[in-house]
Amino acid sequence: MRIQTVLIPTDGSDRSTAAARRGFDLAAALDASVHVISVADSSLATGAGYGGDSPSIRKRLRETATERATSLRDEATQRGIEATAVTREGIPAKEIVTYSDDEEIDAIIIGTAGRGGVARTVIGSVADNVVRTASIPVITITPASTRAERTGDVNAILLPTDGSEAATAVAALGVELAVQLNASVHFLSVIDHRRSSALSRILGTRSTAEDDELRERAVDHLEALASDARDRGLEAHVRVKDGDPAEEIVQYADSEALDLIALGTEGLGGFERFLVGSVATAVIRTAPVPVLTTRPTNGREATTD
């Protein structure tokens, strides 16, 4: 897929603003246009009315949301990025996802924590809801990934896989993104022996040969993915590790100074089940770099070169 348009939500907090600016870095690298959206949370206006709606609060919230979106839009424009400011009123996560579908946006870039100037709004649990419900890739930006010492360049992408069809589809998407960014790719499988050991205890069997076979299948799968990436002109690396999947994914990205992690939110593969909700959530919340997640079975048909 080729990412040509990105949607960046903001709640006006320092963290969401930092995430938006990191999103601008990525948009510039992708030569993509930006839609900056700020949602006036209608539930706040209803709550302020004590049993009824509060038109004055609703108006103020919308004005504040417009100011936030316009300010960041202007920043993006000053950087030479084609940008649009958008204000919506309603439930933030729902409005973000609906707008992305209506406008056929290619990806959403959102921070994972934040507190707005009027009340807590967009960037905490809303990011979780967007990741779970969006039909397009979502790139989450943690506070750690916006630190000053980190640049916005994406020169190397980590593509974890468990060998499942879903994970393989996400890896293919990551390769397409790497082609667009001229980035190298690292294919990683993590073998969680705790799961296989638990199964062995139940079945009463376990052998070194089984461990060797598991690792061999993982290596073969990764090498096949890497070969395809190299055929696309990319530098590709392969690694199999043992341990807790989420911890190993984050540690590998940090130790290798990688710039982006791309993984699915569901998967059941032949190398142990691991790219499932809890692991994706743990990676999103702890990664020192942006994390691209997608639900491959629910995504829109991507635009190709």
C-alpha atoms as a PDB file:
ATOM      1  CA  MET A   1       0.000   0.000   0.000  1.00  0.00           C
ATOM      2  CA  ARG A   2       1.075   3.575  -0.496  1.00  0.00           C
ATOM      3  CA  ILE A   3       0.221   6.047   2.265  1.00  0.00           C
ATOM      4  CA  GLN A   4      -0.736   9.335   0.635  1.00  0.00           C
ATOM      5  CA  THR A   5      -3.054  10.855   3.258  1.00  0.00           C
ATOM      6  CA  VAL A   6      -2.831  10.705   7.055  1.00  0.00           C
ATOM      7  CA  LEU A   7      -5.285  11.767   9.747  1.00  0.00           C
ATOM      8  CA  ILE A   8      -3.811  13.245  12.929  1.00  0.00           C
ATOM      9  CA  PRO A   9      -6.171  13.791  15.910  1.00  0.00           C
ATOM     10  CA  THR A  10      -5.366  16.327  18.619  1.00  0.00           C
ATOM     11  CA  ASP A  11      -6.884  17.171  21.998  1.00  0.00           C
ATOM     12  CA  GLY A  12      -4.689  20.219  22.565  1.00  0.00           C
ATOM     13  CA  SER A  13      -2.493  18.605  25.214  1.00  0.00           C
ATOM     14  CA  ASP A  14       1.283  18.906  25.113  1.00  0.00           C
ATOM     15  CA  ARG A  15       1.574  15.170  24.487  1.00  0.00           C
ATOM     16  CA  SER A  16      -0.886  15.115  21.614  1.00  0.00           C
ATOM     17  CA  THR A  17       0.816  18.149  20.091  1.00  0.00           C
ATOM     18  CA  ALA A  18       4.197  16.407  20.331  1.00  0.00           C
ATOM     19  CA  ALA A  19       2.660  13.309  18.730  1.00  0.00           C
ATOM     20  CA  ALA A  20       1.167  15.434  15.951  1.00  0.00           C
ATOM     21  CA  ARG A  21       4.549  16.985  15.209  1.00  0.00           C
ATOM     22  CA  ARG A  22       6.114  13.534  15.022  1.00  0.00           C
ATOM     23  CA  GLY A  23       3.268  12.679  12.683  1.00  0.00           C
ATOM     24  CA  PHE A  24       4.240  15.634  10.515  1.00  0.00           C
ATOM     25  CA  ASP A  25       7.764  14.204  10.316  1.00  0.00           C
ATOM     26  CA  LEU A  26       6.391  10.929   9.023  1.00  0.00           C
ATOM     27  CA  ALA A  27       3.982  12.634   6.635  1.00  0.00           C
ATOM     28  CA  ALA A  28       6.844  14.655   5.185  1.00  0.00           C
ATOM     29  CA  ALA A  29       8.938  11.502   4.707  1.00  0.00           C
ATOM     30  CA  LEU A  30       5.983   9.849   2.968  1.00  0.00           C
ATOM     31  CA  ASP A  31       5.191  12.973   0.924  1.00  0.00           C
ATOM     32  CA  ALA A  32       1.651  12.588   2.265  1.00  0.00           C
ATOM     33  CA  SER A  33      -1.028  15.198   2.892  1.00  0.00           C
ATOM     34  CA  VAL A  34      -2.350  15.688   6.438  1.00  0.00           C
ATOM     35  CA  HIS A  35      -5.821  16.116   7.903  1.00  0.00           C
ATOM     36  CA  VAL A  36      -5.661  17.469  11.467  1.00  0.00           C
ATOM     37  CA  ILE A  37      -8.847  16.651  13.371  1.00  0.00           C
ATOM     38  CA  SER A  38     -10.045  17.890  16.747  1.00  0.00           C
ATOM     39  CA  VAL A  39     -13.289  16.546  18.167  1.00  0.00           C
ATOM     40  CA  ALA A  40     -15.511  18.582  20.474  1.00  0.00           C
ATOM     41  CA  ASP A  41     -16.651  15.857  22.869  1.00  0.00           C
ATOM     42  CA  SER A  42     -20.443  16.116  22.966  1.00  0.00           C
ATOM     43  CA  SER A  43     -20.631  14.142  26.217  1.00  0.00           C
ATOM     44  CA  LEU A  44     -18.864  16.981  28.011  1.00  0.00           C
ATOM     45  CA  ALA A  45     -21.488  19.477  26.901  1.00  0.00           C
ATOM     46  CA  THR A  46     -24.292  17.139  27.967  1.00  0.00           C
ATOM     47  CA  GLY A  47     -22.700  16.539  31.347  1.00  0.00           C
ATOM     48  CA  ALA A  48     -22.186  20.252  31.929  1.00  0.00           C
ATOM     49  CA  GLY A  49     -25.906  20.828  31.429  1.00  0.00           C
ATOM     50  CA  TYR A  50     -26.916  18.856  34.563  1.00  0.00           C
ATOM     51  CA  GLY A  51     -29.798  16.938  33.025  1.00  0.00           C
ATOM     52  CA  GLY A  52     -29.862  18.726  29.704  1.00  0.00           C
ATOM     53  CA  ASP A  53     -27.603  19.925  26.947  1.00  0.00           C
ATOM     54  CA  SER A  54     -25.521  23.055  27.395  1.00  0.00           C
ATOM     55  CA  PRO A  55     -25.417  25.039  24.128  1.00  0.00           C
ATOM     56  CA  SER A  56     -22.910  27.547  25.481  1.00  0.00           C
ATOM     57  CA  ILE A  57     -20.477  24.827  26.584  1.00  0.00           C
ATOM     58  CA  ARG A  58     -20.976  23.009  23.291  1.00  0.00           C
ATOM     59  CA  LYS A  59     -20.128  26.207  21.400  1.00  0.00           C
ATOM     60  CA  ARG A  60     -17.001  26.810  23.468  1.00  0.00           C
ATOM     61  CA  LEU A  61     -15.828  23.244  22.988  1.00  0.00           C
ATOM     62  CA  ARG A  62     -16.269  23.501  19.231  1.00  0.00           C
ATOM     63  CA  GLU A  63     -14.428  26.832  19.095  1.00  0.00           C
ATOM     64  CA  THR A  64     -11.565  25.390  21.135  1.00  0.00           C
ATOM     65  CA  ALA A  65     -11.402  22.312  18.909  1.00  0.00           C
ATOM     66  CA  THR A  66     -11.290  24.521  15.817  1.00  0.00           C
ATOM     67  CA  GLU A  67      -8.448  26.583  17.266  1.00  0.00           C
ATOM     68  CA  ARG A  68      -6.450  23.423  18.039  1.00  0.00           C
ATOM     69  CA  ALA A  69      -6.882  21.925  14.592  1.00  0.00           C
ATOM     70  CA  THR A  70      -6.199  25.224  12.826  1.00  0.00           C
ATOM     71  CA  SER A  71      -3.041  25.910  14.813  1.00  0.00           C
ATOM     72  CA  LEU A  72      -1.521  22.523  13.970  1.00  0.00           C
ATOM     73  CA  ARG A  73      -2.709  22.792  10.380  1.00  0.00           C
ATOM     74  CA  ASP A  74      -0.787  26.045  10.096  1.00  0.00           C
ATOM     75  CA  GLU A  75       2.346  24.388  11.534  1.00  0.00           C
ATOM     76  CA  ALA A  76       2.128  21.643   8.948  1.00  0.00           C
ATOM     77  CA  THR A  77       1.616  24.150   6.148  1.00  0.00           C
ATOM     78  CA  GLN A  78       4.674  26.114   7.249  1.00  0.00           C
ATOM     79  CA  ARG A  79       6.674  22.896   6.903  1.00  0.00           C
ATOM     80  CA  GLY A  80       5.539  22.550   3.306  1.00  0.00           C
ATOM     81  CA  ILE A  81       2.973  19.822   3.997  1.00  0.00           C
ATOM     82  CA  GLU A  82      -0.430  19.995   2.348  1.00  0.00           C
ATOM     83  CA  ALA A  83      -2.757  20.166   5.355  1.00  0.00           C
ATOM     84  CA  THR A  84      -6.437  20.499   6.222  1.00  0.00           C
ATOM     85  CA  ALA A  85      -8.005  21.439   9.565  1.00  0.00           C
ATOM     86  CA  VAL A  86     -11.122  19.524  10.587  1.00  0.00           C
ATOM     87  CA  THR A  87     -13.516  20.013  13.497  1.00  0.00           C
ATOM     88  CA  ARG A  88     -16.112  17.432  14.469  1.00  0.00           C
ATOM     89  CA  GLU A  89     -18.555  17.141  17.339  1.00  0.00           C
ATOM     90  CA  GLY A  90     -19.447  13.842  18.983  1.00  0.00           C
ATOM     91  CA  ILE A  91     -17.677  10.888  20.572  1.00  0.00           C
ATOM     92  CA  PRO A  92     -13.964  11.319  19.713  1.00  0.00           C
ATOM     93  CA  ALA A  93     -13.005   7.768  18.697  1.00  0.00           C
ATOM     94  CA  LYS A  94     -16.141   7.301  16.632  1.00  0.00           C
ATOM     95  CA  GLU A  95     -15.726  10.638  14.866  1.00  0.00           C
ATOM     96  CA  ILE A  96     -12.054   9.945  14.087  1.00  0.00           C
ATOM     97  CA  VAL A  97     -12.804   6.542  12.564  1.00  0.00           C
ATOM     98  CA  THR A  98     -15.891   7.774  10.698  1.00  0.00           C
ATOM     99  CA  TYR A  99     -13.987  10.696   9.191  1.00  0.00           C
ATOM    100  CA  SER A 100     -11.137   8.409   8.097  1.00  0.00           C
ATOM    101  CA  ASP A 101     -13.635   6.172   6.305  1.00  0.00           C
ATOM    102  CA  ASP A 102     -15.624   9.018   4.747  1.00  0.00           C
ATOM    103  CA  GLU A 103     -12.501  10.725   3.407  1.00  0.00           C
ATOM    104  CA  GLU A 104     -10.725   7.472   2.452  1.00  0.00           C
ATOM    105  CA  ILE A 105      -7.704   8.329   4.586  1.00  0.00           C
ATOM    106  CA  ASP A 106      -4.786   5.892   4.267  1.00  0.00           C
ATOM    107  CA  ALA A 107      -3.538   5.915   7.891  1.00  0.00           C
ATOM    108  CA  ILE A 108      -4.240   7.481  11.280  1.00  0.00           C
ATOM    109  CA  ILE A 109      -1.415   8.811  13.456  1.00  0.00           C
ATOM    110  CA  ILE A 110      -2.384   9.266  17.114  1.00  0.00           C
ATOM    111  CA  GLY A 111      -0.691   9.744  20.483  1.00  0.00           C
ATOM    112  CA  THR A 112      -1.288   7.238  23.272  1.00  0.00           C
ATOM    113  CA  ALA A 113      -1.733   9.594  26.244  1.00  0.00           C
ATOM    114  CA  GLY A 114      -2.934  13.133  26.726  1.00  0.00           C
ATOM    115  CA  ARG A 115      -4.994  15.622  28.687  1.00  0.00           C
ATOM    116  CA  GLY A 116      -6.811  18.464  27.026  1.00  0.00           C
ATOM    117  CA  GLY A 117      -7.117  22.071  28.119  1.00  0.00           C
ATOM    118  CA  VAL A 118     -10.828  21.807  28.986  1.00  0.00           C
ATOM    119  CA  ALA A 119     -11.014  18.208  30.203  1.00  0.00           C
ATOM    120  CA  ARG A 120      -9.499  14.827  29.498  1.00  0.00           C
ATOM    121  CA  THR A 121     -10.510  13.955  25.953  1.00  0.00           C
ATOM    122  CA  VAL A 122      -8.930  12.340  22.960  1.00  0.00           C
ATOM    123  CA  ILE A 123      -5.624  10.651  23.398  1.00  0.00           C
ATOM    124  CA  GLY A 124      -5.828   7.970  26.113  1.00  0.00           C
ATOM    125  CA  SER A 125      -8.556   5.351  25.876  1.00  0.00           C
ATOM    126  CA  VAL A 126      -9.642   6.919  22.598  1.00  0.00           C
ATOM    127  CA  ALA A 127      -6.407   5.756  20.959  1.00  0.00           C
ATOM    128  CA  ASP A 128      -7.195   2.205  22.118  1.00  0.00           C
ATOM    129  CA  ASN A 129     -10.668   2.428  20.588  1.00  0.00           C
ATOM    130  CA  VAL A 130      -9.293   3.775  17.316  1.00  0.00           C
ATOM    131  CA  VAL A 131      -6.765   0.928  17.110  1.00  0.00           C
ATOM    132  CA  ARG A 132      -9.534  -1.632  17.701  1.00  0.00           C
ATOM    133  CA  THR A 133     -12.096  -0.188  15.280  1.00  0.00           C
ATOM    134  CA  ALA A 134     -10.287   1.587  12.443  1.00  0.00           C
ATOM    135  CA  SER A 135     -10.410  -0.079   9.036  1.00  0.00           C
ATOM    136  CA  ILE A 136      -7.007   1.356   8.111  1.00  0.00           C
ATOM    137  CA  PRO A 137      -3.520   1.211   9.658  1.00  0.00           C
ATOM    138  CA  VAL A 138      -3.099   3.196  12.881  1.00  0.00           C
ATOM    139  CA  ILE A 139       0.307   4.536  13.893  1.00  0.00           C
ATOM    140  CA  THR A 140       0.474   5.159  17.635  1.00  0.00           C
ATOM    141  CA  ILE A 141       3.004   7.581  19.068  1.00  0.00           C
ATOM    142  CA  THR A 142       4.087   7.047  22.679  1.00  0.00           C
ATOM    143  CA  PRO A 143       5.498   9.865  24.812  1.00  0.00           C
ATOM    144  CA  ALA A 144       8.866   8.039  24.741  1.00  0.00           C
ATOM    145  CA  SER A 145       8.961   8.191  20.941  1.00  0.00           C
ATOM    146  CA  THR A 146       8.600  11.984  20.940  1.00  0.00           C
ATOM    147  CA  ARG A 147      11.702  12.663  23.032  1.00  0.00           C
ATOM    148  CA  ALA A 148      13.994  15.290  21.638  1.00  0.00           C
ATOM    149  CA  GLU A 149      16.863  12.856  21.015  1.00  0.00           C
ATOM    150  CA  ARG A 150      14.711  10.844  18.607  1.00  0.00           C
ATOM    151  CA  THR A 151      14.314  12.098  15.061  1.00  0.00           C
ATOM    152  CA  GLY A 152      11.242  11.608  12.928  1.00  0.00           C
ATOM    153  CA  ASP A 153      13.161   9.730  10.238  1.00  0.00           C
ATOM    154  CA  VAL A 154      12.118   6.156   9.471  1.00  0.00           C
ATOM    155  CA  ASN A 155      15.163   4.318   8.148  1.00  0.00           C
ATOM    156  CA  ALA A 156      14.503   0.867   9.617  1.00  0.00           C
ATOM    157  CA  ILE A 157      11.221  -0.965  10.281  1.00  0.00           C
ATOM    158  CA  LEU A 158      10.647  -3.964  12.560  1.00  0.00           C
ATOM    159  CA  LEU A 159       8.154  -6.524  11.247  1.00  0.00           C
ATOM    160  CA  PRO A 160       7.344  -9.169  13.892  1.00  0.00           C
ATOM    161  CA  THR A 161       5.479 -12.246  12.661  1.00  0.00           C
ATOM    162  CA  ASP A 162       4.093 -15.446  14.140  1.00  0.00           C
ATOM    163  CA  GLY A 163       3.735 -17.148  10.782  1.00  0.00           C
ATOM    164  CA  SER A 164      -0.030 -16.650  10.613  1.00  0.00           C
ATOM    165  CA  GLU A 165      -1.786 -15.440   7.491  1.00  0.00           C
ATOM    166  CA  ALA A 166      -2.807 -12.254   9.294  1.00  0.00           C
ATOM    167  CA  ALA A 167       0.738 -11.499  10.469  1.00  0.00           C
ATOM    168  CA  THR A 168       2.161 -12.248   7.033  1.00  0.00           C
ATOM    169  CA  ALA A 169      -0.282  -9.764   5.494  1.00  0.00           C
ATOM    170  CA  VAL A 170       0.888  -7.084   7.921  1.00  0.00           C
ATOM    171  CA  ALA A 171       4.509  -7.874   7.089  1.00  0.00           C
ATOM    172  CA  ALA A 172       3.693  -7.375   3.413  1.00  0.00           C
ATOM    173  CA  LEU A 173       2.165  -4.000   4.253  1.00  0.00           C
ATOM    174  CA  GLY A 174       5.320  -3.120   6.185  1.00  0.00           C
ATOM    175  CA  VAL A 175       7.466  -3.997   3.188  1.00  0.00           C
ATOM    176  CA  GLU A 176       5.356  -1.697   0.990  1.00  0.00           C
ATOM    177  CA  LEU A 177       5.841   1.082   3.522  1.00  0.00           C
ATOM    178  CA  ALA A 178       9.593   0.409   3.608  1.00  0.00           C
ATOM    179  CA  VAL A 179       9.717   0.704  -0.181  1.00  0.00           C
ATOM    180  CA  GLN A 180       7.962   4.066   0.048  1.00  0.00           C
ATOM    181  CA  LEU A 181      10.387   5.269   2.725  1.00  0.00           C
ATOM    182  CA  ASN A 182      13.475   3.504   1.311  1.00  0.00           C
ATOM    183  CA  ALA A 183      13.934   1.888   4.730  1.00  0.00           C
ATOM    184  CA  SER A 184      15.495  -1.413   5.736  1.00  0.00           C
ATOM    185  CA  VAL A 185      13.321  -4.148   7.285  1.00  0.00           C
ATOM    186  CA  HIS A 186      13.921  -6.498  10.211  1.00  0.00           C
ATOM    187  CA  PHE A 187      11.791  -9.668  10.355  1.00  0.00           C
ATOM    188  CA  LEU A 188      11.446 -11.074  13.872  1.00  0.00           C
ATOM    189  CA  SER A 189       9.797 -14.161  15.349  1.00  0.00           C
ATOM    190  CA  VAL A 190       9.644 -14.697  19.095  1.00  0.00           C
ATOM    191  CA  ILE A 191       9.182 -18.241  20.350  1.00  0.00           C
ATOM    192  CA  ASP A 192       7.345 -18.239  23.651  1.00  0.00           C
ATOM    193  CA  HIS A 193       8.427 -21.524  25.202  1.00  0.00           C
ATOM    194  CA  ARG A 194       6.187 -20.923  28.199  1.00  0.00           C
ATOM    195  CA  ARG A 195       3.167 -21.674  26.050  1.00  0.00           C
ATOM    196  CA  SER A 196       4.671 -24.730  24.421  1.00  0.00           C
ATOM    197  CA  SER A 197       5.954 -25.976  27.805  1.00  0.00           C
ATOM    198  CA  ALA A 198       2.468 -25.672  29.280  1.00  0.00           C
ATOM    199  CA  LEU A 199       1.067 -27.655  26.373  1.00  0.00           C
ATOM    200  CA  SER A 200       3.809 -30.268  26.804  1.00  0.00           C
ATOM    201  CA  ARG A 201       2.933 -30.693  30.474  1.00  0.00           C
ATOM    202  CA  ILE A 202      -0.690 -31.303  29.527  1.00  0.00           C
ATOM    203  CA  LEU A 203       0.228 -33.798  26.817  1.00  0.00           C
ATOM    204  CA  GLY A 204       3.116 -35.271  28.768  1.00  0.00           C
ATOM    205  CA  THR A 205       5.557 -34.893  25.884  1.00  0.00           C
ATOM    206  CA  ARG A 206       8.433 -32.595  25.018  1.00  0.00           C
ATOM    207  CA  SER A 207      11.633 -33.042  23.081  1.00  0.00           C
ATOM    208  CA  THR A 208      14.615 -31.048  21.910  1.00  0.00           C
ATOM    209  CA  ALA A 209      13.753 -32.125  18.380  1.00  0.00           C
ATOM    210  CA  GLU A 210      10.388 -30.356  18.677  1.00  0.00           C
ATOM    211  CA  ASP A 211      12.123 -27.147  19.761  1.00  0.00           C
ATOM    212  CA  ASP A 212      14.556 -27.404  16.868  1.00  0.00           C
ATOM    213  CA  GLU A 213      11.727 -27.976  14.401  1.00  0.00           C
ATOM    214  CA  LEU A 214       9.833 -24.964  15.742  1.00  0.00           C
ATOM    215  CA  ARG A 215      12.859 -22.724  15.331  1.00  0.00           C
ATOM    216  CA  GLU A 216      13.636 -24.121  11.879  1.00  0.00           C
ATOM    217  CA  ARG A 217      10.108 -23.378  10.651  1.00  0.00           C
ATOM    218  CA  ALA A 218      10.362 -19.863  12.026  1.00  0.00           C
ATOM    219  CA  VAL A 219      13.683 -19.246  10.273  1.00  0.00           C
ATOM    220  CA  ASP A 220      12.378 -20.639   6.981  1.00  0.00           C
ATOM    221  CA  HIS A 221       9.342 -18.369   7.133  1.00  0.00           C
ATOM    222  CA  LEU A 222      11.410 -15.295   7.955  1.00  0.00           C
ATOM    223  CA  GLU A 223      13.933 -16.039   5.213  1.00  0.00           C
ATOM    224  CA  ALA A 224      11.110 -16.318   2.672  1.00  0.00           C
ATOM    225  CA  LEU A 225       9.791 -12.912   3.738  1.00  0.00           C
ATOM    226  CA  ALA A 226      13.283 -11.431   3.644  1.00  0.00           C
ATOM    227  CA  SER A 227      13.904 -12.854   0.164  1.00  0.00           C
ATOM    228  CA  ASP A 228      10.773 -11.153  -1.144  1.00  0.00           C
ATOM    229  CA  ALA A 229      11.848  -7.875   0.477  1.00  0.00           C
ATOM    230  CA  ARG A 230      15.308  -8.103  -1.066  1.00  0.00           C
ATOM    231  CA  ASP A 231      13.684  -8.679  -4.447  1.00  0.00           C
ATOM    232  CA  ARG A 232      12.023  -5.289  -3.889  1.00  0.00           C
ATOM    233  CA  GLY A 233      15.454  -3.732  -3.424  1.00  0.00           C
ATOM    234  CA  LEU A 234      15.336  -3.557   0.375  1.00  0.00           C
ATOM    235  CA  GLU A 235      17.983  -4.421   2.928  1.00  0.00           C
ATOM    236  CA  ALA A 236      16.462  -7.196   5.043  1.00  0.00           C
ATOM    237  CA  HIS A 237      17.470  -8.848   8.326  1.00  0.00           C
ATOM    238  CA  VAL A 238      16.150 -11.992  10.044  1.00  0.00           C
ATOM    239  CA  ARG A 239      16.098 -12.832  13.757  1.00  0.00           C
ATOM    240  CA  VAL A 240      14.472 -15.510  15.925  1.00  0.00           C
ATOM    241  CA  LYS A 241      14.379 -14.904  19.678  1.00  0.00           C
ATOM    242  CA  ASP A 242      13.057 -16.729  22.715  1.00  0.00           C
ATOM    243  CA  GLY A 243      11.068 -15.139  25.508  1.00  0.00           C
ATOM    244  CA  ASP A 244       8.034 -12.985  26.157  1.00  0.00           C
ATOM    245  CA  PRO A 245       6.889 -11.726  22.716  1.00  0.00           C
ATOM    246  CA  ALA A 246       5.982  -8.155  23.664  1.00  0.00           C
ATOM    247  CA  GLU A 247       9.135  -7.653  25.722  1.00  0.00           C
ATOM    248  CA  GLU A 248      11.383  -9.113  23.032  1.00  0.00           C
ATOM    249  CA  ILE A 249       9.785  -7.027  20.273  1.00  0.00           C
ATOM    250  CA  VAL A 250      10.251  -3.790  22.208  1.00  0.00           C
ATOM    251  CA  GLN A 251      13.764  -4.705  23.354  1.00  0.00           C
ATOM    252  CA  TYR A 252      14.848  -5.604  19.821  1.00  0.00           C
ATOM    253  CA  ALA A 253      13.498  -2.341  18.398  1.00  0.00           C
ATOM    254  CA  ASP A 254      15.354  -0.402  21.081  1.00  0.00           C
ATOM    255  CA  SER A 255      18.651  -2.295  20.912  1.00  0.00           C
ATOM    256  CA  GLU A 256      18.806  -2.119  17.123  1.00  0.00           C
ATOM    257  CA  ALA A 257      17.793   1.570  17.064  1.00  0.00           C
ATOM    258  CA  LEU A 258      14.860   0.870  14.769  1.00  0.00           C
ATOM    259  CA  ASP A 259      12.400   3.627  13.884  1.00  0.00           C
ATOM    260  CA  LEU A 260       9.003   1.925  13.544  1.00  0.00           C
ATOM    261  CA  ILE A 261       7.300  -1.334  14.519  1.00  0.00           C
ATOM    262  CA  ALA A 262       4.525  -2.734  12.308  1.00  0.00           C
ATOM    263  CA  LEU A 263       2.394  -5.608  13.587  1.00  0.00           C
ATOM    264  CA  GLY A 264      -1.111  -7.003  13.481  1.00  0.00           C
ATOM    265  CA  THR A 265      -3.662  -6.936  16.266  1.00  0.00           C
ATOM    266  CA  GLU A 266      -4.580 -10.572  15.723  1.00  0.00           C
ATOM    267  CA  GLY A 267      -2.817 -13.713  14.617  1.00  0.00           C
ATOM    268  CA  LEU A 268      -2.455 -17.402  15.308  1.00  0.00           C
ATOM    269  CA  GLY A 269       0.628 -18.924  13.792  1.00  0.00           C
ATOM    270  CA  GLY A 270       2.725 -22.029  13.701  1.00  0.00           C
ATOM    271  CA  PHE A 271       5.463 -20.522  15.903  1.00  0.00           C
ATOM    272  CA  GLU A 272       3.215 -20.042  18.941  1.00  0.00           C
ATOM    273  CA  ARG A 273       0.332 -17.643  19.268  1.00  0.00           C
ATOM    274  CA  PHE A 274       1.601 -14.176  20.064  1.00  0.00           C
ATOM    275  CA  LEU A 275       0.459 -11.314  17.858  1.00  0.00           C
ATOM    276  CA  VAL A 276      -2.877 -11.163  19.604  1.00  0.00           C
ATOM    277  CA  GLY A 277      -4.554  -8.266  21.367  1.00  0.00           C
ATOM    278  CA  SER A 278      -2.636  -8.338  24.641  1.00  0.00           C
ATOM    279  CA  VAL A 279       0.774  -8.420  22.931  1.00  0.00           C
ATOM    280  CA  ALA A 280      -0.087  -5.670  20.461  1.00  0.00           C
ATOM    281  CA  THR A 281      -1.432  -3.568  23.332  1.00  0.00           C
ATOM    282  CA  ALA A 282       1.720  -4.113  25.392  1.00  0.00           C
ATOM    283  CA  VAL A 283       3.937  -3.145  22.456  1.00  0.00           C
ATOM    284  CA  ILE A 284       1.901  -0.011  21.748  1.00  0.00           C
ATOM    285  CA  ARG A 285       2.132   1.126  25.368  1.00  0.00           C
ATOM    286  CA  THR A 286       5.831   0.423  25.922  1.00  0.00           C
ATOM    287  CA  ALA A 287       7.574   0.851  22.573  1.00  0.00           C
ATOM    288  CA  PRO A 288      10.169   3.644  22.341  1.00  0.00           C
ATOM    289  CA  VAL A 289       9.217   4.180  18.694  1.00  0.00           C
ATOM    290  CA  PRO A 290       5.946   4.621  16.766  1.00  0.00           C
ATOM    291  CA  VAL A 291       3.918   1.432  16.269  1.00  0.00           C
ATOM    292  CA  LEU A 292       1.817   0.724  13.194  1.00  0.00           C
ATOM    293  CA  THR A 293      -1.021  -1.714  13.813  1.00  0.00           C
ATOM    294  CA  THR A 294      -3.712  -2.966  11.501  1.00  0.00           C
ATOM    295  CA  ARG A 295      -6.495  -5.503  11.394  1.00  0.00           C
ATOM    296  CA  PRO A 296      -5.748  -7.110   8.030  1.00  0.00           C
ATOM    297  CA  THR A 297      -9.067  -8.917   7.710  1.00  0.00           C
ATOM    298  CA  ASN A 298     -11.024  -5.677   8.093  1.00  0.00           C
ATOM    299  CA  GLY A 299      -8.893  -3.175   6.183  1.00  0.00           C
ATOM    300  CA  ARG A 300     -10.006  -1.301   3.104  1.00  0.00           C
ATOM    301  CA  GLU A 301      -8.430  -2.240  -0.170  1.00  0.00           C
ATOM    302  CA  ALA A 302      -5.138  -0.378  -0.205  1.00  0.00           C
ATOM    303  CA  THR A 303      -3.922   1.933  -2.911  1.00  0.00           C
ATOM    304  CA  THR A 304      -0.998   0.388  -4.735  1.00  0.00           C
ATOM    305  CA  ASP A 305       1.779   1.857  -6.807  1.00  0.00           C
END
